């Protein structure tokens, strides 16, 4: 019995993950922009955490060749 995987199915998952990651990066970048303009007491810590999250997501997308829209 020869079972071949449906590559279109994997492409669909890949596109879904890519889309989700791109949206998350854009949202985090927007939050960073808002925080940079605020006078919140912990803004530097929060910005640092968001930047790390952005970097991790972008690194993942680069590793999996999904980085075409992951630029800052």
N, C-alpha and C. Protein backbone atom coordinates (compact mmCIF):
# COMPACT_ATOMS: atom_id res chain seq x y z
N UNK A 1 0.85 -1.18 0.00
CA UNK A 1 0.00 0.00 0.00
C UNK A 1 0.89 1.24 0.00
N UNK A 2 0.76 2.06 -1.02
CA UNK A 2 1.57 3.26 -1.17
C UNK A 2 0.73 4.48 -0.82
N UNK A 3 1.03 5.08 0.32
CA UNK A 3 0.28 6.27 0.76
C UNK A 3 1.17 7.48 0.60
N UNK A 4 0.75 8.40 -0.24
CA UNK A 4 1.51 9.63 -0.45
C UNK A 4 0.81 10.77 0.28
N UNK A 5 1.59 11.57 1.00
CA UNK A 5 0.96 12.69 1.72
C UNK A 5 0.45 13.75 0.74
N UNK A 6 -0.59 14.39 1.12
CA UNK A 6 -1.15 15.49 0.33
C UNK A 6 -0.35 16.75 0.66
N UNK A 7 0.55 17.13 -0.24
CA UNK A 7 1.43 18.27 0.01
C UNK A 7 0.65 19.58 0.10
N UNK A 8 -0.47 19.66 -0.57
CA UNK A 8 -1.29 20.87 -0.48
C UNK A 8 -1.81 21.07 0.94
N UNK A 9 -2.06 19.97 1.62
CA UNK A 9 -2.51 20.05 3.00
C UNK A 9 -1.42 20.68 3.86
N UNK A 10 -0.16 20.28 3.66
CA UNK A 10 0.94 20.85 4.43
C UNK A 10 1.15 22.32 4.08
N UNK A 11 1.00 22.66 2.81
CA UNK A 11 1.11 24.06 2.41
C UNK A 11 0.04 24.90 3.09
N UNK A 12 -1.14 24.34 3.22
CA UNK A 12 -2.22 25.05 3.88
C UNK A 12 -1.87 25.33 5.35
N UNK A 13 -1.34 24.34 6.04
CA UNK A 13 -0.92 24.54 7.44
C UNK A 13 0.19 25.58 7.52
N UNK A 14 1.14 25.46 6.61
CA UNK A 14 2.28 26.38 6.59
C UNK A 14 1.78 27.82 6.36
N UNK A 15 0.88 27.99 5.42
CA UNK A 15 0.33 29.32 5.14
C UNK A 15 -0.44 29.86 6.34
N UNK A 16 -1.17 29.00 7.00
CA UNK A 16 -1.92 29.41 8.19
C UNK A 16 -0.97 29.88 9.29
N UNK A 17 0.07 29.09 9.54
CA UNK A 17 1.05 29.44 10.58
C UNK A 17 1.75 30.75 10.21
N UNK A 18 2.14 30.87 8.96
CA UNK A 18 2.82 32.09 8.51
C UNK A 18 1.92 33.30 8.69
N UNK A 19 0.68 33.19 8.28
CA UNK A 19 -0.26 34.29 8.40
C UNK A 19 -0.44 34.69 9.86
N UNK A 20 -0.58 33.71 10.70
CA UNK A 20 -0.77 33.97 12.13
C UNK A 20 0.46 34.66 12.73
N UNK A 21 1.64 34.16 12.40
CA UNK A 21 2.87 34.75 12.92
C UNK A 21 3.05 36.18 12.43
N UNK A 22 2.79 36.42 11.17
CA UNK A 22 2.92 37.78 10.62
C UNK A 22 1.97 38.72 11.35
N UNK A 23 0.74 38.29 11.57
CA UNK A 23 -0.23 39.12 12.29
C UNK A 23 0.22 39.39 13.72
N UNK A 24 0.77 38.38 14.37
CA UNK A 24 1.25 38.55 15.75
C UNK A 24 2.42 39.53 15.80
N UNK A 25 3.33 39.43 14.84
CA UNK A 25 4.48 40.35 14.81
C UNK A 25 4.00 41.78 14.58
N UNK A 26 3.09 41.96 13.65
CA UNK A 26 2.56 43.30 13.37
C UNK A 26 1.88 43.87 14.62
N UNK A 27 1.10 43.05 15.29
CA UNK A 27 0.41 43.50 16.51
C UNK A 27 1.41 43.87 17.60
N UNK A 28 2.43 43.06 17.80
CA UNK A 28 3.45 43.36 18.80
C UNK A 28 4.21 44.64 18.45
N UNK A 29 4.52 44.83 17.18
CA UNK A 29 5.19 46.06 16.76
C UNK A 29 4.32 47.28 17.02
N UNK A 30 3.03 47.13 16.81
CA UNK A 30 2.09 48.22 17.09
C UNK A 30 2.07 48.54 18.59
N UNK A 31 2.07 47.50 19.41
CA UNK A 31 2.09 47.71 20.86
C UNK A 31 3.37 48.40 21.30
N UNK A 32 4.50 48.00 20.72
CA UNK A 32 5.77 48.64 21.04
C UNK A 32 5.72 50.12 20.69
N UNK A 33 5.18 50.44 19.53
CA UNK A 33 5.06 51.84 19.11
C UNK A 33 4.21 52.64 20.09
N UNK A 34 3.12 52.05 20.51
CA UNK A 34 2.25 52.73 21.48
C UNK A 34 2.96 52.92 22.81
N UNK A 35 3.66 51.90 23.26
CA UNK A 35 4.36 52.00 24.54
C UNK A 35 5.49 53.03 24.49
N UNK A 36 6.15 53.15 23.37
CA UNK A 36 7.24 54.12 23.24
C UNK A 36 6.73 55.55 23.41
N UNK A 37 5.47 55.77 23.14
CA UNK A 37 4.89 57.10 23.26
C UNK A 37 4.19 57.30 24.61
N UNK A 38 4.14 56.28 25.42
CA UNK A 38 3.45 56.39 26.70
C UNK A 38 4.42 56.74 27.82
N UNK A 39 3.86 57.04 28.96
CA UNK A 39 4.68 57.33 30.14
C UNK A 39 4.50 56.26 31.20
N UNK A 40 4.16 55.07 30.77
CA UNK A 40 3.95 53.95 31.68
C UNK A 40 5.22 53.69 32.50
N UNK A 41 5.01 53.33 33.74
CA UNK A 41 6.13 53.12 34.65
C UNK A 41 7.01 51.96 34.22
N UNK A 42 6.41 50.90 33.71
CA UNK A 42 7.15 49.69 33.35
C UNK A 42 7.33 49.54 31.84
N UNK A 43 7.22 50.61 31.13
CA UNK A 43 7.22 50.52 29.67
C UNK A 43 8.49 49.92 29.11
N UNK A 44 9.65 50.23 29.68
CA UNK A 44 10.91 49.70 29.14
C UNK A 44 10.98 48.18 29.29
N UNK A 45 10.49 47.67 30.40
CA UNK A 45 10.48 46.22 30.61
C UNK A 45 9.52 45.55 29.63
N UNK A 46 8.35 46.12 29.48
CA UNK A 46 7.34 45.55 28.58
C UNK A 46 7.84 45.60 27.14
N UNK A 47 8.43 46.71 26.74
CA UNK A 47 8.97 46.83 25.39
C UNK A 47 10.05 45.78 25.15
N UNK A 48 10.90 45.58 26.13
CA UNK A 48 11.96 44.58 26.02
C UNK A 48 11.38 43.18 25.81
N UNK A 49 10.35 42.85 26.56
CA UNK A 49 9.71 41.54 26.43
C UNK A 49 9.06 41.41 25.05
N UNK A 50 8.36 42.44 24.62
CA UNK A 50 7.74 42.41 23.29
C UNK A 50 8.79 42.27 22.19
N UNK A 51 9.91 42.98 22.33
CA UNK A 51 10.97 42.89 21.32
C UNK A 51 11.54 41.47 21.26
N UNK A 52 11.69 40.84 22.40
CA UNK A 52 12.17 39.45 22.42
C UNK A 52 11.17 38.53 21.73
N UNK A 53 9.89 38.75 21.98
CA UNK A 53 8.87 37.94 21.33
C UNK A 53 8.90 38.15 19.82
N UNK A 54 9.04 39.39 19.40
CA UNK A 54 9.12 39.70 17.97
C UNK A 54 10.33 39.00 17.36
N UNK A 55 11.47 39.12 18.03
CA UNK A 55 12.70 38.50 17.52
C UNK A 55 12.55 36.98 17.40
N UNK A 56 11.94 36.36 18.41
CA UNK A 56 11.76 34.90 18.37
C UNK A 56 10.84 34.49 17.22
N UNK A 57 9.77 35.22 17.03
CA UNK A 57 8.84 34.89 15.95
C UNK A 57 9.50 35.10 14.58
N UNK A 58 10.25 36.18 14.44
CA UNK A 58 10.94 36.44 13.18
C UNK A 58 12.02 35.39 12.92
N UNK A 59 12.72 35.00 13.97
CA UNK A 59 13.75 33.96 13.82
C UNK A 59 13.11 32.65 13.36
N UNK A 60 11.99 32.29 13.96
CA UNK A 60 11.27 31.08 13.56
C UNK A 60 10.87 31.16 12.09
N UNK A 61 10.33 32.31 11.69
CA UNK A 61 9.90 32.47 10.30
C UNK A 61 11.08 32.41 9.33
N UNK A 62 12.22 32.98 9.73
CA UNK A 62 13.41 32.88 8.87
C UNK A 62 13.87 31.44 8.76
N UNK A 63 13.90 30.73 9.88
CA UNK A 63 14.34 29.33 9.87
C UNK A 63 13.46 28.46 8.98
N UNK A 64 12.18 28.77 8.94
CA UNK A 64 11.23 27.98 8.15
C UNK A 64 10.88 28.66 6.83
N UNK A 65 11.70 29.64 6.46
CA UNK A 65 11.56 30.35 5.18
C UNK A 65 10.16 30.96 4.99
N UNK A 66 9.71 31.62 6.04
CA UNK A 66 8.43 32.32 6.02
C UNK A 66 8.64 33.82 6.23
N UNK A 67 9.85 34.29 6.05
CA UNK A 67 10.22 35.63 6.50
C UNK A 67 9.93 36.76 5.54
N UNK A 68 9.24 36.53 4.44
CA UNK A 68 9.08 37.59 3.46
C UNK A 68 8.32 38.80 3.98
N UNK A 69 7.49 38.64 5.01
CA UNK A 69 6.77 39.78 5.59
C UNK A 69 7.11 39.96 7.06
N UNK A 70 8.22 39.41 7.50
CA UNK A 70 8.56 39.45 8.92
C UNK A 70 9.52 40.58 9.27
N UNK A 71 9.73 41.50 8.37
CA UNK A 71 10.68 42.58 8.63
C UNK A 71 10.10 43.59 9.60
N UNK A 72 10.98 44.24 10.33
CA UNK A 72 10.57 45.28 11.26
C UNK A 72 10.32 46.56 10.56
